């Protein structure tokens, strides 16, 4: 029997080291016909999800809160940190308290991190820099006072500036809460059309996450050369990344969204969060 068209699904993931515990297991184990893995930077996945070019995936938390009517959040999945995240940094040539009037170059790869650094600088440190958005590659040779870098590019720049501020650590220090950088989000229309398929994919992503955490040392051996970094440093980095969406993380993302709503950046419908629980699969859906 031919595979019906509705069994196709396009799943977005970022090929950053911080996604490796899920991404690498997915690549190795998923063989479902019609299940397409789409790899792109966070900002590109945001655009693709909004345009319907992917059906679900790990996107910036920002993307959900600016178009909440279009999406649901898949339960118990995130890319988050309960303190230092190790790959989202503000690198600076000056102490953060002296950045008013100075230029901060913002990575164009993640809207969530851009919003977060602005909250931290303006709300918590009471400084007003001049922001410029652009590419970070080779940015250490440019005359910007500070640079927001994320993901693998942040890992490469880690030792090149006198001041290094981990945004996850700063958020935890000022709010007492974890920070959720990425959510696994599905389009509402895809949920309505293919609830069983959404449940199957949701279940498989959770399985990949759990297997990836158990196999973390081997995954670090595989992905560390991409940065490059040692497998031990990679292991230390990835043990600080968390992939669940427990109650404290829900509180953290709610607080972040409230800042964005109050600032006119996010839609008021972003709260309360629309979280889609893992659905119980029927025998037909679980085997198809």
Protein backbone atom coordinates (compact mmCIF):
# COMPACT_ATOMS: atom_id res chain seq x y z
CA UNK A 1 0.00 0.00 0.00
CA UNK A 2 1.30 3.46 -0.88
CA UNK A 3 2.17 5.79 1.99
CA UNK A 4 -0.59 8.41 2.09
CA UNK A 5 0.52 12.03 1.57
CA UNK A 6 -0.63 13.05 5.06
CA UNK A 7 2.19 10.97 6.59
CA UNK A 8 4.76 13.55 5.49
CA UNK A 9 6.15 15.91 8.10
CA UNK A 10 8.94 18.51 8.00
CA UNK A 11 10.80 18.83 11.30
CA UNK A 12 13.17 21.75 11.92
CA UNK A 13 16.31 21.46 14.02
CA UNK A 14 19.45 23.55 14.46
CA UNK A 15 22.76 21.85 13.76
CA UNK A 16 24.42 23.46 16.78
CA UNK A 17 26.32 21.44 19.35
CA UNK A 18 23.63 22.27 21.93
CA UNK A 19 21.06 20.39 19.82
CA UNK A 20 23.30 17.34 19.36
CA UNK A 21 21.76 15.08 22.06
CA UNK A 22 18.49 15.15 20.09
CA UNK A 23 19.70 15.87 16.56
CA UNK A 24 22.35 13.15 16.35
CA UNK A 25 20.03 10.44 17.69
CA UNK A 26 17.28 11.55 15.29
CA UNK A 27 19.65 11.33 12.31
CA UNK A 28 20.87 7.89 13.36
CA UNK A 29 17.54 6.27 14.23
CA UNK A 30 14.66 7.88 12.32
CA UNK A 31 13.90 6.04 9.08
CA UNK A 32 10.24 6.92 8.59
CA UNK A 33 9.43 7.59 4.95
CA UNK A 34 8.20 11.15 4.51
CA UNK A 35 9.76 12.47 7.74
CA UNK A 36 12.07 15.24 6.54
CA UNK A 37 14.68 16.82 8.81
CA UNK A 38 15.24 20.49 7.94
CA UNK A 39 18.47 22.01 9.26
CA UNK A 40 18.88 25.80 9.56
CA UNK A 41 19.89 28.54 12.03
CA UNK A 42 17.23 29.52 14.60
CA UNK A 43 16.16 32.69 12.79
CA UNK A 44 15.72 30.79 9.51
CA UNK A 45 13.64 28.09 11.22
CA UNK A 46 11.48 30.84 12.73
CA UNK A 47 10.75 32.21 9.26
CA UNK A 48 10.12 28.76 7.82
CA UNK A 49 7.67 27.81 10.56
CA UNK A 50 5.80 31.10 10.18
CA UNK A 51 5.60 30.57 6.40
CA UNK A 52 4.46 26.95 6.68
CA UNK A 53 7.69 25.65 5.11
CA UNK A 54 8.16 23.34 8.10
CA UNK A 55 5.41 21.80 10.21
CA UNK A 56 7.11 21.79 13.60
CA UNK A 57 10.52 22.14 15.14
CA UNK A 58 12.84 23.75 17.64
CA UNK A 59 12.51 27.50 17.12
CA UNK A 60 13.34 30.57 19.18
CA UNK A 61 10.96 31.11 22.08
CA UNK A 62 10.51 34.56 20.51
CA UNK A 63 8.82 33.04 17.45
CA UNK A 64 6.06 31.51 19.54
CA UNK A 65 5.30 34.70 21.45
CA UNK A 66 4.98 36.93 18.38
CA UNK A 67 2.57 34.54 16.60
CA UNK A 68 0.93 32.54 19.40
CA UNK A 69 -2.37 32.05 17.56
CA UNK A 70 -0.53 30.03 14.91
CA UNK A 71 1.18 27.55 17.23
CA UNK A 72 1.16 25.08 20.07
CA UNK A 73 4.14 24.12 22.24
CA UNK A 74 4.98 20.42 22.45
CA UNK A 75 5.12 19.43 26.11
CA UNK A 76 8.36 18.68 27.97
CA UNK A 77 10.73 19.88 25.24
CA UNK A 78 13.02 22.90 25.20
CA UNK A 79 16.60 24.04 24.94
CA UNK A 80 17.17 25.78 28.24
CA UNK A 81 19.53 26.39 31.13
CA UNK A 82 19.08 26.72 34.87
CA UNK A 83 22.02 29.09 35.19
CA UNK A 84 25.03 29.39 32.86
CA UNK A 85 24.24 28.16 29.36
CA UNK A 86 27.80 28.35 28.03
CA UNK A 87 26.93 29.37 24.46
CA UNK A 88 24.93 32.62 24.66
CA UNK A 89 27.31 35.40 25.62
CA UNK A 90 27.69 39.13 25.58
CA UNK A 91 31.40 39.69 24.93
CA UNK A 92 32.56 43.19 25.77
CA UNK A 93 35.63 45.38 25.79
CA UNK A 94 34.13 47.38 28.69
CA UNK A 95 32.34 46.51 31.94
CA UNK A 96 28.63 46.12 31.23
CA UNK A 97 27.78 49.10 33.46
CA UNK A 98 29.66 51.38 31.04
CA UNK A 99 27.96 50.33 27.79
CA UNK A 100 25.53 53.26 27.52
CA UNK A 101 26.11 54.94 24.17
CA UNK A 102 28.47 52.23 22.96
CA UNK A 103 27.78 49.90 20.04
CA UNK A 104 26.58 46.35 20.66
CA UNK A 105 26.63 44.03 17.66
CA UNK A 106 23.72 41.56 17.86
CA UNK A 107 23.81 38.14 16.25
CA UNK A 108 21.19 37.86 13.52
CA UNK A 109 20.73 34.15 14.26
CA UNK A 110 18.42 34.24 17.31
CA UNK A 111 15.68 36.75 18.10
CA UNK A 112 15.24 35.24 21.58
CA UNK A 113 18.82 36.04 22.58
CA UNK A 114 18.53 39.53 21.10
CA UNK A 115 15.43 40.21 23.21
CA UNK A 116 17.08 38.71 26.28
CA UNK A 117 20.24 40.81 26.07
CA UNK A 118 18.16 43.96 25.71
CA UNK A 119 16.14 43.07 28.83
CA UNK A 120 19.30 42.33 30.78
CA UNK A 121 21.09 45.53 29.73
CA UNK A 122 18.17 47.94 29.92
CA UNK A 123 16.08 46.51 32.77
CA UNK A 124 18.69 44.94 35.04
CA UNK A 125 21.83 47.04 34.36
CA UNK A 126 20.05 50.29 33.40
CA UNK A 127 22.27 50.94 30.36
CA UNK A 128 21.25 52.11 26.88
CA UNK A 129 23.69 50.94 24.20
CA UNK A 130 23.39 51.48 20.44
CA UNK A 131 22.37 48.19 18.82
CA UNK A 132 23.46 46.94 15.40
CA UNK A 133 22.38 43.60 13.92
CA UNK A 134 24.75 41.60 11.76
CA UNK A 135 26.96 38.58 11.27
CA UNK A 136 29.35 37.72 14.06
CA UNK A 137 31.95 35.82 12.02
CA UNK A 138 35.30 37.62 12.42
CA UNK A 139 33.48 40.25 14.49
CA UNK A 140 36.28 40.25 17.07
CA UNK A 141 38.27 42.26 14.53
CA UNK A 142 35.57 44.93 14.23
CA UNK A 143 35.49 48.02 16.42
CA UNK A 144 32.23 47.26 18.23
CA UNK A 145 32.42 47.61 21.98
CA UNK A 146 30.36 44.49 22.64
CA UNK A 147 29.06 41.49 20.72
CA UNK A 148 26.14 39.17 21.34
CA UNK A 149 27.10 35.72 20.07
CA UNK A 150 25.19 32.44 20.28
CA UNK A 151 25.70 28.76 19.59
CA UNK A 152 28.90 27.47 18.08
CA UNK A 153 30.10 30.99 17.17
CA UNK A 154 29.95 31.92 20.87
CA UNK A 155 32.00 28.85 21.76
CA UNK A 156 34.67 29.95 19.26
CA UNK A 157 34.85 33.53 20.62
CA UNK A 158 34.85 32.59 24.30
CA UNK A 159 38.42 33.65 25.14
CA UNK A 160 38.83 36.72 22.93
CA UNK A 161 37.26 39.52 25.01
CA UNK A 162 38.15 40.84 28.48
CA UNK A 163 34.51 40.74 29.67
CA UNK A 164 32.25 37.74 29.10
CA UNK A 165 28.65 37.66 30.33
CA UNK A 166 26.66 34.42 30.16
CA UNK A 167 23.05 35.46 29.53
CA UNK A 168 21.57 32.37 31.14
CA UNK A 169 23.56 33.03 34.30
CA UNK A 170 22.52 36.70 34.40
CA UNK A 171 18.84 35.83 33.93
CA UNK A 172 19.00 33.29 36.77
CA UNK A 173 20.80 35.77 39.03
CA UNK A 174 18.17 38.48 38.54
CA UNK A 175 14.99 36.36 38.33
CA UNK A 176 15.83 33.14 40.16
CA UNK A 177 14.42 31.21 37.18
CA UNK A 178 15.76 29.07 34.35
CA UNK A 179 15.81 30.55 30.86
CA UNK A 180 14.21 28.83 27.88
CA UNK A 181 16.00 29.72 24.65
CA UNK A 182 14.12 27.40 22.31
CA UNK A 183 10.76 25.65 22.29
CA UNK A 184 9.52 22.76 20.18
CA UNK A 185 6.58 24.36 18.41
CA UNK A 186 4.01 22.94 16.00
CA UNK A 187 1.69 24.81 13.65
CA UNK A 188 -1.97 24.84 14.74
CA UNK A 189 -3.20 23.84 11.30
CA UNK A 190 -0.89 20.82 11.25
CA UNK A 191 -2.20 19.77 14.69
CA UNK A 192 -5.74 19.95 13.36
CA UNK A 193 -4.93 18.04 10.17
CA UNK A 194 -2.60 15.39 11.61
CA UNK A 195 -3.02 14.94 15.38
CA UNK A 196 -1.82 11.33 15.26
CA UNK A 197 1.29 12.22 13.27
CA UNK A 198 2.07 15.10 15.65
CA UNK A 199 1.84 12.64 18.56
CA UNK A 200 4.18 10.17 16.85
CA UNK A 201 6.78 12.83 16.10
CA UNK A 202 6.46 14.24 19.62
CA UNK A 203 7.04 10.78 21.06
CA UNK A 204 10.09 10.21 18.85
CA UNK A 205 11.68 13.54 19.77
CA UNK A 206 11.28 12.69 23.45
CA UNK A 207 12.84 9.28 22.82
CA UNK A 208 15.78 10.87 20.98
CA UNK A 209 16.29 13.31 23.85
CA UNK A 210 16.32 10.55 26.45
CA UNK A 211 18.67 8.34 24.43
CA UNK A 212 20.94 11.27 23.66
CA UNK A 213 21.34 12.13 27.33
CA UNK A 214 22.31 8.54 28.09
CA UNK A 215 24.80 8.49 25.19
CA UNK A 216 26.23 11.96 25.85
CA UNK A 217 29.91 10.98 26.04
CA UNK A 218 29.83 9.30 22.62
CA UNK A 219 27.92 12.23 21.13
CA UNK A 220 30.54 14.64 22.48
CA UNK A 221 33.30 12.61 20.80
CA UNK A 222 31.40 12.98 17.54
CA UNK A 223 30.49 16.67 17.60
CA UNK A 224 33.30 18.36 19.57
CA UNK A 225 35.60 18.70 16.51
CA UNK A 226 33.00 20.92 14.80
CA UNK A 227 33.73 23.87 17.12
CA UNK A 228 36.56 22.74 17.69
CA UNK A 229 36.70 21.86 21.37
CA UNK A 230 37.81 18.85 23.39
CA UNK A 231 35.26 16.10 24.05
CA UNK A 232 35.60 16.80 27.78
CA UNK A 233 34.81 20.51 27.31
CA UNK A 234 31.90 19.53 25.09
CA UNK A 235 30.61 17.18 27.78
CA UNK A 236 30.87 19.87 30.46
CA UNK A 237 29.02 22.28 28.17
CA UNK A 238 26.21 19.88 27.25
CA UNK A 239 25.60 18.75 30.83
CA UNK A 240 24.54 22.36 31.55
CA UNK A 241 21.98 22.34 28.74
CA UNK A 242 18.52 21.04 29.62
CA UNK A 243 15.85 19.76 27.25
CA UNK A 244 12.69 19.46 29.35
CA UNK A 245 9.91 21.97 29.99
CA UNK A 246 9.11 21.50 33.66
CA UNK A 247 7.19 23.88 35.90
CA UNK A 248 10.14 26.15 36.71
CA UNK A 249 10.95 26.52 33.03
CA UNK A 250 7.32 27.36 32.29
CA UNK A 251 7.59 30.08 34.95
CA UNK A 252 10.81 31.34 33.35
CA UNK A 253 9.41 31.53 29.84
CA UNK A 254 6.22 33.15 31.18
CA UNK A 255 8.29 35.87 32.87
CA UNK A 256 10.30 36.44 29.70
CA UNK A 257 7.14 36.68 27.59
CA UNK A 258 5.64 39.14 30.07
CA UNK A 259 8.65 41.43 29.59
CA UNK A 260 8.13 41.22 25.82
CA UNK A 261 4.37 41.83 26.10
CA UNK A 262 4.96 44.85 28.34
CA UNK A 263 7.51 46.16 25.85
CA UNK A 264 5.11 45.81 22.92
CA UNK A 265 7.20 43.10 21.27
CA UNK A 266 4.98 40.05 21.89
CA UNK A 267 1.27 39.42 21.45
CA UNK A 268 -0.82 39.40 24.64
CA UNK A 269 -2.18 36.02 23.53
CA UNK A 270 1.31 34.58 24.14
CA UNK A 271 0.13 34.00 27.72
CA UNK A 272 -1.02 31.70 29.08
CA UNK A 273 1.19 29.20 27.25
CA UNK A 274 -0.58 26.77 24.90
CA UNK A 275 1.19 23.51 25.71
CA UNK A 276 0.14 20.38 23.83
CA UNK A 277 0.56 17.29 26.01
CA UNK A 278 1.89 14.07 24.57
CA UNK A 279 -1.15 12.40 23.07
CA UNK A 280 -1.91 8.73 23.61
CA UNK A 281 -1.40 6.92 20.33
CA UNK A 282 -4.03 4.58 18.97
CA UNK A 283 -2.73 1.18 17.71
CA UNK A 284 -3.28 2.39 14.14
CA UNK A 285 -1.28 5.58 14.64
CA UNK A 286 1.51 3.91 16.61
CA UNK A 287 2.19 1.37 13.89
CA UNK A 288 1.64 3.48 10.80
